[in-house]
Amino acid sequence: MHRLANGVRVVCDPIPGLETVALSVVAGQGARSEDAAHSGWSHLLEHMVFKGAGGRSARDIVEVIEAAGGQINAATGYERTSFQVRALRGGLDLGSAVLADLVQRPTMDAGDLAREKQVVGQEIAEAADAPDDLVFELAQGAAFDGQPLGRPILGTPKSIKAATPQTLGAWRERLYGPATLVVSVAGAVDEDELLKLAERDFGQMRGEASGPAQPARFVGGARPLAKRLEQANLVLLLPAVGVRDPGYFALRLMAEILGGGMASRLFQEAREVRGLAYAIDAYSETYADTGVLGVFAGCAAKDAEELAVVAAGEIAGMAEAVSDAELSRAKAQIKGAMFMGREGALARAEQAAGQVLLFGQTLDPLAVAAEIDAVTPADLAALTGQILAHRKSAVAVLGPKPALAAAEAFDRALFG
């Protein structure tokens, strides 16, 4: 990793034999940097920079990249915003210049902003109409009520409406400060060329980013919502550890054993043995300082309450020693996903940028695999005890009225 004089960090990951290159310009801030009045502004800004930047129109931006055989995209999360270009060998120069314009020199036309607000408003409405989006939004809101992590990344119609070209431009300067920026490239890349391009395109950036996010606090609570649907959708959340915590890999393995695949405890017990769910899985969602252990399930409304109790029982059962076979399978799955994910240049560039933002350096995959292998059954039992000791859950249930009792049933089954 290299650091430019203004604080921008540059990561180079050459992949021999590859004829493509992937560039990610990642700002270490996103929706978690917003207060309620600015909710959704980071995502809106990500949209707006594509409407024109550096003298190019919205059409020019995509045409110049696609004419060279490339693809361009972006994404906004809670803790980072990423701009990406994938291109053929030799396309790094153009890709870097275009992304630098997006990040530093967007046009911010008032007419474009008015139209983009309509587009984002449609996204917000679409998410509200999609049960498997809305139920996660409800659970996240219950888990982190009144905090940035508890608000939708898309924002609300009211908060989006307040943005102007001037205020959104000021938000850009705050969000994309050079000290939070990582330029990460993987694939057909020469390190000397990359450093020259990074200095040319990002070395003159100025500005200070906003301070670190306030520590998150898992609040918990129930968010049952009756809706005319054929099935019930459940999301069950418990407070867990963040990505920097020593228990991070134990959390990943715990989620895998609980509901990571068809051999998992939840799938076998809830679907195969009892026939309660057509879809059920467990997952972990982690941020810099906190995280959640989650279960998602889709089932008939009449089965929702029993399913919630079964899920609670399987979670509580993780306090007992897992078998060697279960733990070995989970480790193989986590390591397999990690190494398979590194087969693509863009995934490697994004992963490296994320590691630099979280840890100040890139991590050796073999060292990460060794950390996964070092997790013991006792570590899983200890983490389970730590999670349950909070005696808090966040439960969202979306569907017919008979399903809504599942929220209280889950909490009661776990904590009495």
Protein backbone atom coordinates (compact mmCIF):
# COMPACT_ATOMS: atom_id res chain seq x y z
CA MET A 1 0.00 0.00 0.00
CA HIS A 2 1.18 3.53 -0.80
CA ARG A 3 -0.07 6.82 0.60
CA LEU A 4 -0.12 10.07 -1.37
CA ALA A 5 0.87 13.31 0.35
CA ASN A 6 -2.79 14.29 0.84
CA GLY A 7 -3.67 11.00 2.53
CA VAL A 8 -5.19 9.08 -0.40
CA ARG A 9 -4.15 5.43 -0.15
CA VAL A 10 -3.27 3.37 -3.22
CA VAL A 11 -3.34 -0.44 -3.44
CA CYS A 12 -1.97 -2.47 -6.35
CA ASP A 13 -2.75 -6.17 -6.87
CA PRO A 14 -1.29 -7.46 -10.16
CA ILE A 15 -2.79 -10.76 -11.36
CA PRO A 16 -0.46 -12.45 -13.89
CA GLY A 17 -2.04 -13.58 -17.14
CA LEU A 18 -5.19 -11.50 -16.78
CA GLU A 19 -6.28 -9.38 -19.74
CA THR A 20 -8.61 -7.15 -17.71
CA VAL A 21 -8.17 -4.59 -14.96
CA ALA A 22 -10.53 -3.50 -12.19
CA LEU A 23 -10.36 -0.11 -10.46
CA SER A 24 -12.25 0.76 -7.28
CA VAL A 25 -12.21 4.24 -5.81
CA VAL A 26 -13.69 3.81 -2.35
CA ALA A 27 -14.58 6.48 0.18
CA GLY A 28 -14.67 5.24 3.75
CA GLN A 29 -18.00 6.90 4.49
CA GLY A 30 -21.60 6.31 3.55
CA ALA A 31 -25.07 6.39 5.02
CA ARG A 32 -23.73 5.95 8.55
CA SER A 33 -22.30 9.46 8.31
CA GLU A 34 -25.78 10.96 7.91
CA ASP A 35 -28.09 12.49 10.47
CA ALA A 36 -31.86 12.24 10.03
CA ALA A 37 -32.05 15.46 8.03
CA HIS A 38 -29.48 14.18 5.52
CA SER A 39 -30.73 10.60 5.35
CA GLY A 40 -30.21 9.20 1.85
CA TRP A 41 -27.92 11.98 0.69
CA SER A 42 -24.90 9.72 0.22
CA HIS A 43 -26.89 7.47 -2.09
CA LEU A 44 -28.42 10.45 -3.90
CA LEU A 45 -24.95 11.91 -4.39
CA GLU A 46 -23.73 8.62 -5.86
CA HIS A 47 -26.54 8.89 -8.41
CA MET A 48 -25.90 12.56 -9.16
CA VAL A 49 -22.22 12.33 -10.04
CA PHE A 50 -23.16 10.09 -12.99
CA LYS A 51 -25.39 12.84 -14.41
CA GLY A 52 -22.34 14.78 -15.51
CA ALA A 53 -18.76 15.33 -14.38
CA GLY A 54 -15.50 16.80 -15.64
CA GLY A 55 -17.11 18.23 -18.77
CA ARG A 56 -18.75 14.93 -19.75
CA SER A 57 -22.50 14.47 -19.87
CA ALA A 58 -24.23 11.45 -18.34
CA ARG A 59 -24.22 9.79 -21.75
CA ASP A 60 -20.59 10.69 -22.40
CA ILE A 61 -19.51 9.05 -19.14
CA VAL A 62 -20.93 5.64 -19.98
CA GLU A 63 -20.17 5.81 -23.70
CA VAL A 64 -16.48 6.61 -23.26
CA ILE A 65 -16.05 3.66 -20.88
CA GLU A 66 -18.12 1.21 -22.93
CA ALA A 67 -16.41 2.25 -26.18
CA ALA A 68 -13.17 1.00 -24.66
CA GLY A 69 -14.75 -2.33 -23.68
CA GLY A 70 -15.29 -1.35 -20.06
CA GLN A 71 -18.07 -1.18 -17.50
CA ILE A 72 -18.73 1.42 -14.84
CA ASN A 73 -20.79 1.18 -11.65
CA ALA A 74 -21.09 2.43 -8.08
CA ALA A 75 -22.59 1.40 -4.75
CA THR A 76 -23.45 3.11 -1.47
CA GLY A 77 -23.35 1.27 1.85
CA TYR A 78 -23.53 2.32 5.47
CA GLU A 79 -19.78 2.71 5.90
CA ARG A 80 -18.41 3.24 2.40
CA THR A 81 -19.18 4.46 -1.10
CA SER A 82 -17.54 2.72 -4.03
CA PHE A 83 -17.00 3.70 -7.67
CA GLN A 84 -15.84 0.96 -10.00
CA VAL A 85 -14.52 0.50 -13.51
CA ARG A 86 -13.72 -2.81 -15.15
CA ALA A 87 -11.78 -2.57 -18.40
CA LEU A 88 -9.55 -4.36 -20.84
CA ARG A 89 -5.79 -4.28 -20.34
CA GLY A 90 -4.67 -0.71 -20.96
CA GLY A 91 -7.95 0.80 -19.78
CA LEU A 92 -6.70 1.99 -16.40
CA ASP A 93 -5.72 5.48 -17.62
CA LEU A 94 -9.21 6.27 -18.88
CA GLY A 95 -10.95 4.60 -15.96
CA SER A 96 -8.93 6.54 -13.41
CA ALA A 97 -9.59 9.86 -15.17
CA VAL A 98 -13.35 9.26 -15.34
CA LEU A 99 -13.69 8.15 -11.71
CA ALA A 100 -11.59 11.11 -10.57
CA ASP A 101 -14.06 13.41 -12.33
CA LEU A 102 -17.02 11.69 -10.69
CA VAL A 103 -15.57 12.01 -7.22
CA GLN A 104 -14.15 15.53 -7.55
CA ARG A 105 -15.87 17.41 -10.39
CA PRO A 106 -19.57 16.49 -10.72
CA THR A 107 -21.76 19.02 -12.51
CA MET A 108 -24.65 19.09 -9.99
CA ASP A 109 -27.25 20.55 -12.36
CA ALA A 110 -30.51 21.56 -10.70
CA GLY A 111 -32.66 19.97 -13.41
CA ASP A 112 -30.76 16.70 -13.17
CA LEU A 113 -31.16 16.73 -9.40
CA ALA A 114 -34.92 17.18 -9.66
CA ARG A 115 -35.18 14.22 -12.01
CA GLU A 116 -32.87 12.06 -9.90
CA LYS A 117 -34.96 12.75 -6.81
CA GLN A 118 -37.86 11.23 -8.71
CA VAL A 119 -35.78 8.17 -9.55
CA VAL A 120 -34.71 7.69 -5.95
CA GLY A 121 -38.30 8.21 -4.84
CA GLN A 122 -39.27 5.34 -7.13
CA GLU A 123 -36.54 3.20 -5.55
CA ILE A 124 -37.91 3.97 -2.09
CA ALA A 125 -41.43 3.04 -3.21
CA GLU A 126 -40.19 -0.15 -4.87
CA ALA A 127 -38.42 -1.23 -1.67
CA ALA A 128 -41.61 -0.63 0.32
CA ASP A 129 -43.55 -2.80 -2.15
CA ALA A 130 -41.07 -5.71 -2.01
CA PRO A 131 -41.72 -7.85 1.10
CA ASP A 132 -38.23 -9.33 1.19
CA ASP A 133 -36.76 -5.80 1.16
CA LEU A 134 -39.22 -4.23 3.56
CA VAL A 135 -38.87 -6.90 6.24
CA PHE A 136 -35.10 -6.39 6.42
CA GLU A 137 -35.61 -2.63 6.59
CA LEU A 138 -38.05 -3.06 9.47
CA ALA A 139 -35.65 -5.31 11.38
CA GLN A 140 -32.70 -2.96 10.84
CA GLY A 141 -34.80 -0.07 12.09
CA ALA A 142 -35.72 -1.98 15.23
CA ALA A 143 -32.14 -3.07 15.89
CA PHE A 144 -30.65 0.43 15.64
CA ASP A 145 -33.65 2.65 16.27
CA GLY A 146 -32.89 6.38 16.11
CA GLN A 147 -29.38 5.88 14.70
CA PRO A 148 -27.88 6.07 11.19
CA LEU A 149 -27.60 2.26 11.02
CA GLY A 150 -31.33 2.08 11.67
CA ARG A 151 -32.30 4.32 8.75
CA PRO A 152 -32.63 3.11 5.15
CA ILE A 153 -29.66 3.86 2.90
CA LEU A 154 -32.13 5.26 0.36
CA GLY A 155 -33.42 7.85 2.84
CA THR A 156 -36.99 9.14 2.87
CA PRO A 157 -38.91 11.29 0.38
CA LYS A 158 -38.79 14.18 2.89
CA SER A 159 -35.03 14.03 3.51
CA ILE A 160 -34.22 13.64 -0.19
CA LYS A 161 -36.45 16.56 -1.13
CA ALA A 162 -34.35 18.94 1.00
CA ALA A 163 -31.16 18.50 -1.06
CA THR A 164 -30.05 21.30 -3.42
CA PRO A 165 -27.10 21.35 -5.82
CA GLN A 166 -25.22 23.55 -3.36
CA THR A 167 -25.93 21.53 -0.23
CA LEU A 168 -25.28 18.25 -2.02
CA GLY A 169 -22.00 19.67 -3.32
CA ALA A 170 -20.99 20.51 0.24
CA TRP A 171 -21.98 16.99 1.25
CA ARG A 172 -19.66 15.61 -1.44
CA GLU A 173 -16.71 17.52 -0.03
CA ARG A 174 -17.48 16.14 3.40
CA LEU A 175 -18.02 12.56 2.23
CA TYR A 176 -15.16 12.12 -0.21
CA GLY A 177 -12.28 13.67 1.72
CA PRO A 178 -8.85 12.40 0.59
CA ALA A 179 -8.00 10.95 3.98
CA THR A 180 -10.91 8.49 3.63
CA LEU A 181 -10.23 7.60 -0.01
CA VAL A 182 -8.64 4.36 -1.27
CA VAL A 183 -7.70 3.79 -4.91
CA SER A 184 -7.50 0.02 -5.36
CA VAL A 185 -6.60 -1.77 -8.60
CA ALA A 186 -6.37 -5.49 -9.40
CA GLY A 187 -5.66 -7.41 -12.58
CA ALA A 188 -3.55 -6.29 -15.53
CA VAL A 189 -1.88 -3.40 -13.72
CA ASP A 190 1.66 -2.07 -13.44
CA GLU A 191 2.42 -0.56 -10.05
CA ASP A 192 4.53 2.33 -11.36
CA GLU A 193 1.83 3.30 -13.84
CA LEU A 194 -0.84 3.13 -11.15
CA LEU A 195 1.08 5.39 -8.79
CA LYS A 196 1.59 7.97 -11.53
CA LEU A 197 -2.09 7.91 -12.43
CA ALA A 198 -3.16 8.12 -8.80
CA GLU A 199 -0.93 11.15 -8.26
CA ARG A 200 -2.23 12.77 -11.45
CA ASP A 201 -5.90 12.15 -10.77
CA PHE A 202 -6.19 12.16 -6.97
CA GLY A 203 -3.02 13.78 -5.66
CA GLN A 204 -4.44 17.30 -5.72
CA MET A 205 -7.58 16.53 -3.73
CA ARG A 206 -8.16 18.71 -0.70
CA GLY A 207 -10.66 18.77 2.09
CA GLU A 208 -11.42 17.16 5.40
CA ALA A 209 -13.88 14.35 5.86
CA SER A 210 -16.35 14.28 8.72
CA GLY A 211 -15.27 12.68 11.96
CA PRO A 212 -15.74 9.01 12.85
CA ALA A 213 -19.24 7.67 13.24
CA GLN A 214 -20.78 7.56 16.69
CA PRO A 215 -20.69 4.10 18.30
CA ALA A 216 -23.74 2.06 17.41
CA ARG A 217 -26.14 0.75 20.06
CA PHE A 218 -28.37 -2.28 19.54
CA VAL A 219 -31.78 -1.18 20.80
CA GLY A 220 -34.01 -4.06 19.76
CA GLY A 221 -37.76 -4.42 19.67
CA ALA A 222 -40.53 -5.89 17.57
CA ARG A 223 -41.75 -4.54 14.23
CA PRO A 224 -44.74 -6.69 13.23
CA LEU A 225 -46.62 -5.40 10.20
CA ALA A 226 -49.78 -6.93 8.83
CA LYS A 227 -49.89 -7.02 5.05
CA ARG A 228 -51.94 -8.95 2.56
CA LEU A 229 -49.43 -11.51 1.38
CA GLU A 230 -49.59 -15.21 0.62
CA GLN A 231 -46.67 -15.95 2.95
CA ALA A 232 -45.07 -14.51 6.07
CA ASN A 233 -41.56 -13.07 6.07
CA LEU A 234 -39.49 -13.09 9.27
CA VAL A 235 -36.16 -11.46 10.15
CA LEU A 236 -34.76 -12.26 13.60
CA LEU A 237 -31.73 -10.24 14.77
CA LEU A 238 -29.47 -10.49 17.81
CA PRO A 239 -26.60 -8.14 18.78
CA ALA A 240 -23.18 -9.47 17.81
CA VAL A 241 -19.60 -8.31 17.23
CA GLY A 242 -18.03 -6.06 14.61
CA VAL A 243 -15.50 -6.92 11.94
CA ARG A 244 -12.59 -5.70 14.07
CA ASP A 245 -13.56 -7.85 17.06
CA PRO A 246 -11.52 -10.99 17.84
CA GLY A 247 -14.79 -12.93 17.73
CA TYR A 248 -15.52 -11.99 14.11
CA PHE A 249 -14.64 -15.37 12.60
CA ALA A 250 -16.49 -17.21 15.35
CA LEU A 251 -19.57 -15.17 14.36
CA ARG A 252 -19.14 -16.07 10.69
CA LEU A 253 -18.84 -19.75 11.58
CA MET A 254 -21.80 -19.58 13.94
CA ALA A 255 -24.02 -18.20 11.18
CA GLU A 256 -22.79 -20.86 8.77
CA ILE A 257 -23.56 -23.71 11.18
CA LEU A 258 -26.97 -22.26 12.01
CA GLY A 259 -28.20 -21.57 8.51
CA GLY A 260 -25.47 -21.36 5.90
CA GLY A 261 -26.65 -24.14 3.64
CA MET A 262 -28.76 -27.25 3.23
CA ALA A 263 -26.74 -29.12 5.85
CA SER A 264 -27.22 -26.36 8.43
CA ARG A 265 -29.16 -26.79 11.65
CA LEU A 266 -31.99 -24.46 10.74
CA PHE A 267 -32.50 -25.89 7.27
CA GLN A 268 -32.51 -29.44 8.52
CA GLU A 269 -34.75 -28.86 11.54
CA ALA A 270 -37.15 -26.19 10.26
CA ARG A 271 -37.52 -27.32 6.66
CA GLU A 272 -36.52 -30.96 6.33
CA VAL A 273 -37.76 -32.35 9.65
CA ARG A 274 -40.73 -30.08 10.45
CA GLY A 275 -41.65 -28.64 7.04
CA LEU A 276 -42.19 -25.18 8.54
CA ALA A 277 -40.37 -23.00 6.00
CA TYR A 278 -39.84 -22.89 2.28
CA ALA A 279 -36.79 -20.67 2.82
CA ILE A 280 -34.62 -20.20 5.88
CA ASP A 281 -31.02 -19.12 6.41
CA ALA A 282 -28.79 -17.45 8.94
CA TYR A 283 -26.24 -14.72 8.30
CA SER A 284 -23.98 -12.22 10.00
CA GLU A 285 -23.93 -8.51 9.13
CA THR A 286 -20.89 -6.70 10.47
CA TYR A 287 -19.75 -3.10 10.66
CA ALA A 288 -16.56 -1.56 12.02
CA ASP A 289 -17.69 -1.61 15.65
CA THR A 290 -20.78 -3.79 15.83
CA GLY A 291 -22.75 -6.48 14.08
CA VAL A 292 -25.81 -8.67 14.14
CA LEU A 293 -26.57 -12.36 13.92
CA GLY A 294 -29.62 -12.74 11.73
CA VAL A 295 -32.14 -15.33 10.57
CA PHE A 296 -34.43 -14.85 7.59
CA ALA A 297 -37.36 -17.16 6.95
CA GLY A 298 -40.36 -17.36 4.67
CA CYS A 299 -43.24 -19.55 5.72
CA ALA A 300 -46.99 -19.98 5.89
CA ALA A 301 -48.58 -17.54 8.33
CA LYS A 302 -49.91 -20.36 10.49
CA ASP A 303 -46.37 -21.71 10.97
CA ALA A 304 -44.62 -18.44 11.79
CA GLU A 305 -44.90 -18.65 15.56
CA GLU A 306 -43.64 -22.24 15.75
CA LEU A 307 -40.85 -21.43 13.32
CA ALA A 308 -39.70 -18.51 15.50
CA VAL A 309 -39.56 -20.81 18.51
CA VAL A 310 -37.57 -23.42 16.57
CA ALA A 311 -35.11 -20.74 15.42
CA ALA A 312 -34.68 -19.54 19.01
CA GLY A 313 -33.97 -23.07 20.13
CA GLU A 314 -31.32 -23.63 17.48
CA ILE A 315 -29.61 -20.35 18.38
CA ALA A 316 -29.61 -21.21 22.08
CA GLY A 317 -28.26 -24.65 21.21
CA MET A 318 -25.07 -23.04 19.90
CA ALA A 319 -24.04 -22.57 23.54
CA GLU A 320 -23.32 -26.31 23.58
CA ALA A 321 -20.27 -27.75 21.87
CA VAL A 322 -20.67 -28.17 18.13
CA SER A 323 -19.43 -31.36 16.54
CA ASP A 324 -16.08 -31.59 14.79
CA ALA A 325 -17.88 -32.38 11.53
CA GLU A 326 -20.12 -29.29 11.76
CA LEU A 327 -17.23 -26.97 12.54
CA SER A 328 -15.03 -28.48 9.82
CA ARG A 329 -17.80 -28.07 7.23
CA ALA A 330 -18.39 -24.47 8.26
CA LYS A 331 -14.70 -23.64 8.06
CA ALA A 332 -14.47 -25.18 4.60
CA GLN A 333 -17.48 -23.16 3.42
CA ILE A 334 -16.15 -19.85 4.75
CA LYS A 335 -12.67 -20.42 3.33
CA GLY A 336 -14.11 -21.63 0.03
CA ALA A 337 -16.24 -18.51 -0.32
CA MET A 338 -13.25 -16.33 0.51
CA PHE A 339 -10.88 -17.89 -2.02
CA MET A 340 -13.52 -18.24 -4.75
CA GLY A 341 -14.42 -14.60 -4.23
CA ARG A 342 -10.85 -13.68 -5.05
CA GLU A 343 -11.09 -15.17 -8.52
CA GLY A 344 -12.44 -11.91 -9.94
CA ALA A 345 -10.33 -8.77 -10.25
CA LEU A 346 -13.10 -6.42 -9.11
CA ALA A 347 -13.83 -8.49 -6.00
CA ARG A 348 -10.13 -8.39 -5.11
CA ALA A 349 -9.91 -4.64 -5.63
CA GLU A 350 -13.01 -4.03 -3.50
CA GLN A 351 -11.84 -6.43 -0.78
CA ALA A 352 -8.43 -4.77 -0.57
CA ALA A 353 -9.98 -1.31 -0.28
CA GLY A 354 -12.27 -2.48 2.50
CA GLN A 355 -9.38 -4.01 4.42
CA VAL A 356 -7.33 -0.83 4.16
CA LEU A 357 -10.24 1.23 5.45
CA LEU A 358 -10.86 -1.13 8.37
CA PHE A 359 -7.36 -2.26 9.29
CA GLY A 360 -4.98 0.17 7.60
CA GLN A 361 -3.48 -2.61 5.48
CA THR A 362 -4.37 -5.50 3.20
CA LEU A 363 -4.59 -8.95 4.75
CA ASP A 364 -2.85 -12.12 3.58
CA PRO A 365 -5.60 -14.59 2.58
CA LEU A 366 -3.59 -17.51 3.97
CA ALA A 367 -3.28 -15.72 7.30
CA VAL A 368 -7.03 -15.10 7.29
CA ALA A 369 -7.63 -18.79 6.56
CA ALA A 370 -5.41 -19.66 9.52
CA GLU A 371 -7.53 -17.44 11.78
CA ILE A 372 -10.64 -19.25 10.60
CA ASP A 373 -9.03 -22.61 11.30
CA ALA A 374 -8.05 -21.48 14.80
CA VAL A 375 -11.66 -21.03 15.96
CA THR A 376 -12.68 -23.71 18.48
CA PRO A 377 -16.04 -25.05 19.71
CA ALA A 378 -15.34 -23.22 22.97
CA ASP A 379 -15.07 -19.94 21.03
CA LEU A 380 -18.50 -20.52 19.49
CA ALA A 381 -20.04 -21.36 22.86
CA ALA A 382 -18.50 -18.25 24.43
CA LEU A 383 -19.79 -16.03 21.63
CA THR A 384 -23.27 -17.51 21.95
CA GLY A 385 -23.25 -16.70 25.65
CA GLN A 386 -22.07 -13.17 24.91
CA ILE A 387 -24.85 -12.64 22.36
CA LEU A 388 -27.61 -14.00 24.58
CA ALA A 389 -26.36 -12.10 27.64
CA HIS A 390 -27.65 -8.86 26.08
CA ARG A 391 -31.20 -10.26 26.35
CA LYS A 392 -32.23 -8.19 23.35
CA SER A 393 -33.59 -9.06 19.94
CA ALA A 394 -34.95 -7.16 16.97
CA VAL A 395 -37.70 -9.00 15.14
CA ALA A 396 -39.62 -8.00 12.04
CA VAL A 397 -42.62 -10.00 10.84
CA LEU A 398 -44.39 -9.06 7.62
CA GLY A 399 -47.47 -10.86 6.40
CA PRO A 400 -50.96 -12.00 7.41
CA LYS A 401 -52.12 -11.21 10.95
CA PRO A 402 -51.78 -14.78 12.27
CA ALA A 403 -48.00 -14.54 11.66
CA LEU A 404 -47.44 -11.46 13.81
CA ALA A 405 -47.29 -13.41 17.09
CA ALA A 406 -43.94 -14.80 15.93
CA ALA A 407 -42.16 -11.64 17.09
CA GLU A 408 -43.09 -12.06 20.73
CA ALA A 409 -42.67 -15.84 20.53
CA PHE A 410 -39.04 -15.56 19.45
CA ASP A 411 -38.09 -13.19 22.26
CA ARG A 412 -39.99 -15.22 24.84
CA ALA A 413 -38.40 -18.50 23.72
CA LEU A 414 -34.90 -17.05 24.06
CA PHE A 415 -35.23 -14.92 27.18
CA GLY A 416 -38.38 -16.09 28.98
